[in-house]
Amino acid sequence: MPRPLAPLASPDDTEAQFYEALQQGDIDKLIAVWADDDEVVCIHPGGPRLVGLGAIRAQFEAMFAHGSIQAQPERVRRVHTHDSAVHSVVEQVRVMTEDGPRSAHVIATNVYVKTAQGWRMVCHHASPGTPREPAEVSEAPTTLH
């Protein structure tokens, strides 16, 4: 499986390459961001749980057969540790409908781990889209510093 020439130096680099690959419809670039592990998982809105690179690749190839995926990450929330990271993103996805182009917002979770080859994705889980930007509810801090 093709891998980028240089290791992906951070979860943000990996995430950027993932969304660039979606927008370019580049299956090799997209698969290169995934960890080479039998247990990687991808869930598309309303779809089944895809386990393993073969299943993930086949699904994205089928999606790219209809063109690239115009998804742009926004409002990224990050939790990082030394060797793992979880990003909660709001994706703005542009789709073509019978009535012309439309935008939808999808809430997705991307999970990354640090490997010998750099940071790699191990999970992408996306919710069904909505035409309106989703609200965000945050808990106010309970202590003052």
Protein backbone atom coordinates (compact mmCIF):
# COMPACT_ATOMS: atom_id res chain seq x y z
CA MET A 1 0.00 0.00 0.00
CA PRO A 2 1.48 3.40 -0.92
CA ARG A 3 2.66 5.59 1.94
CA PRO A 4 3.73 9.24 1.82
CA LEU A 5 7.48 9.75 1.45
CA ALA A 6 7.82 11.66 4.73
CA PRO A 7 6.21 10.57 8.00
CA LEU A 8 3.16 12.57 8.99
CA ALA A 9 4.54 14.71 11.81
CA SER A 10 1.32 15.46 13.72
CA PRO A 11 -2.35 14.53 13.94
CA ASP A 12 -3.11 17.87 12.24
CA ASP A 13 -0.87 16.88 9.28
CA THR A 14 -2.67 13.54 9.01
CA GLU A 15 -6.07 15.20 9.18
CA ALA A 16 -5.10 17.74 6.52
CA GLN A 17 -3.96 14.95 4.18
CA PHE A 18 -7.20 13.00 4.82
CA TYR A 19 -9.41 15.93 3.80
CA GLU A 20 -7.16 16.83 0.85
CA ALA A 21 -7.46 13.25 -0.40
CA LEU A 22 -11.26 13.41 -0.10
CA GLN A 23 -11.38 16.68 -2.04
CA GLN A 24 -9.03 15.32 -4.73
CA GLY A 25 -10.70 11.90 -4.95
CA ASP A 26 -7.23 10.35 -4.43
CA ILE A 27 -7.66 6.83 -3.03
CA ASP A 28 -3.93 6.15 -2.57
CA LYS A 29 -3.38 9.40 -0.66
CA LEU A 30 -6.46 8.67 1.45
CA ILE A 31 -5.41 5.12 2.34
CA ALA A 32 -1.90 6.36 3.17
CA VAL A 33 -3.22 8.26 6.22
CA TRP A 34 -4.62 5.07 7.79
CA ALA A 35 -2.67 2.88 10.21
CA ASP A 36 -1.66 -0.47 8.75
CA ASP A 37 -3.76 -2.39 11.27
CA ASP A 38 -6.54 -4.97 10.91
CA GLU A 39 -8.71 -3.13 13.43
CA VAL A 40 -8.99 0.34 11.81
CA VAL A 41 -12.62 1.45 11.62
CA CYS A 42 -14.61 3.82 9.40
CA ILE A 43 -18.31 4.64 9.72
CA HIS A 44 -19.97 6.86 7.13
CA PRO A 45 -23.28 8.62 7.89
CA GLY A 46 -26.00 5.96 8.06
CA GLY A 47 -23.59 3.26 6.89
CA PRO A 48 -22.21 0.03 8.34
CA ARG A 49 -19.04 -0.22 10.41
CA LEU A 50 -16.16 -0.87 8.01
CA VAL A 51 -13.31 -2.78 9.66
CA GLY A 52 -9.88 -3.14 8.04
CA LEU A 53 -8.15 -1.30 5.21
CA GLY A 54 -9.67 -3.51 2.51
CA ALA A 55 -13.25 -2.67 3.48
CA ILE A 56 -12.41 1.02 3.96
CA ARG A 57 -10.64 1.22 0.60
CA ALA A 58 -13.51 -0.52 -1.24
CA GLN A 59 -16.08 1.90 0.21
CA PHE A 60 -14.06 5.01 -0.64
CA GLU A 61 -13.37 3.69 -4.16
CA ALA A 62 -17.13 3.29 -4.65
CA MET A 63 -17.70 6.82 -3.35
CA PHE A 64 -14.95 8.30 -5.56
CA ALA A 65 -16.54 6.60 -8.59
CA HIS A 66 -19.15 9.39 -8.32
CA GLY A 67 -16.49 12.12 -7.93
CA SER A 68 -14.48 13.63 -5.13
CA ILE A 69 -15.97 14.46 -1.74
CA GLN A 70 -16.02 18.16 -0.98
CA ALA A 71 -15.69 18.00 2.81
CA GLN A 72 -13.96 20.75 4.76
CA PRO A 73 -13.25 20.37 8.50
CA GLU A 74 -14.35 23.25 10.71
CA ARG A 75 -14.64 23.89 14.44
CA VAL A 76 -12.06 21.25 15.37
CA ARG A 77 -11.86 20.21 19.04
CA ARG A 78 -8.67 18.35 19.94
CA VAL A 79 -7.62 16.05 22.75
CA HIS A 80 -3.98 14.97 22.41
CA THR A 81 -1.73 12.72 24.45
CA HIS A 82 1.83 11.61 23.75
CA ASP A 83 0.81 8.89 21.28
CA SER A 84 -2.89 9.38 20.51
CA ALA A 85 -5.27 12.14 19.50
CA VAL A 86 -9.02 12.53 19.11
CA HIS A 87 -10.45 15.29 16.92
CA SER A 88 -14.12 16.18 16.92
CA VAL A 89 -14.88 18.16 13.78
CA VAL A 90 -17.83 19.74 12.07
CA GLU A 91 -17.46 18.94 8.38
CA GLN A 92 -19.02 21.24 5.84
CA VAL A 93 -19.88 18.95 2.94
CA ARG A 94 -20.98 20.28 -0.44
CA VAL A 95 -23.25 17.94 -2.37
CA MET A 96 -25.09 18.12 -5.67
CA THR A 97 -28.84 17.50 -5.43
CA GLU A 98 -31.67 17.56 -7.97
CA ASP A 99 -32.21 21.21 -6.95
CA GLY A 100 -28.55 22.14 -7.41
CA PRO A 101 -25.60 22.40 -5.02
CA ARG A 102 -26.32 22.23 -1.30
CA SER A 103 -24.24 22.28 1.85
CA ALA A 104 -24.65 19.92 4.76
CA HIS A 105 -22.92 19.77 8.12
CA VAL A 106 -21.67 16.48 9.48
CA ILE A 107 -20.22 15.92 12.94
CA ALA A 108 -17.28 13.53 12.76
CA THR A 109 -14.72 12.04 15.12
CA ASN A 110 -11.21 11.26 13.86
CA VAL A 111 -8.85 9.21 16.01
CA TYR A 112 -5.08 9.12 15.41
CA VAL A 113 -2.19 7.14 16.89
CA LYS A 114 1.53 7.73 16.68
CA THR A 115 3.29 4.90 14.83
CA ALA A 116 6.81 4.24 13.57
CA GLN A 117 5.62 5.77 10.25
CA GLY A 118 4.26 8.91 11.93
CA TRP A 119 0.71 9.78 12.94
CA ARG A 120 -1.98 7.59 11.37
CA MET A 121 -5.77 7.49 11.45
CA VAL A 122 -7.37 4.51 13.21
CA CYS A 123 -11.00 5.66 13.23
CA HIS A 124 -13.27 8.02 11.28
CA HIS A 125 -16.88 8.11 12.48
CA ALA A 126 -19.30 10.54 10.83
CA SER A 127 -22.91 11.33 11.74
CA PRO A 128 -25.77 11.94 9.31
CA GLY A 129 -25.68 15.45 7.84
CA THR A 130 -27.97 18.38 8.51
CA PRO A 131 -28.54 21.47 6.35
CA ARG A 132 -28.06 23.76 9.36
CA GLU A 133 -24.83 24.21 11.24
CA PRO A 134 -25.12 22.11 14.41
CA ALA A 135 -25.28 23.88 17.74
CA GLU A 136 -22.55 23.31 20.26
CA VAL A 137 -23.29 22.96 23.95
CA SER A 138 -20.37 23.54 26.31
CA GLU A 139 -20.19 23.30 30.04
CA ALA A 140 -19.05 26.49 31.73
CA PRO A 141 -15.91 26.16 33.86
CA THR A 142 -16.69 25.40 37.49
CA THR A 143 -13.53 26.95 38.92
CA LEU A 144 -11.81 30.27 38.40
CA HIS A 145 -8.04 30.54 38.17
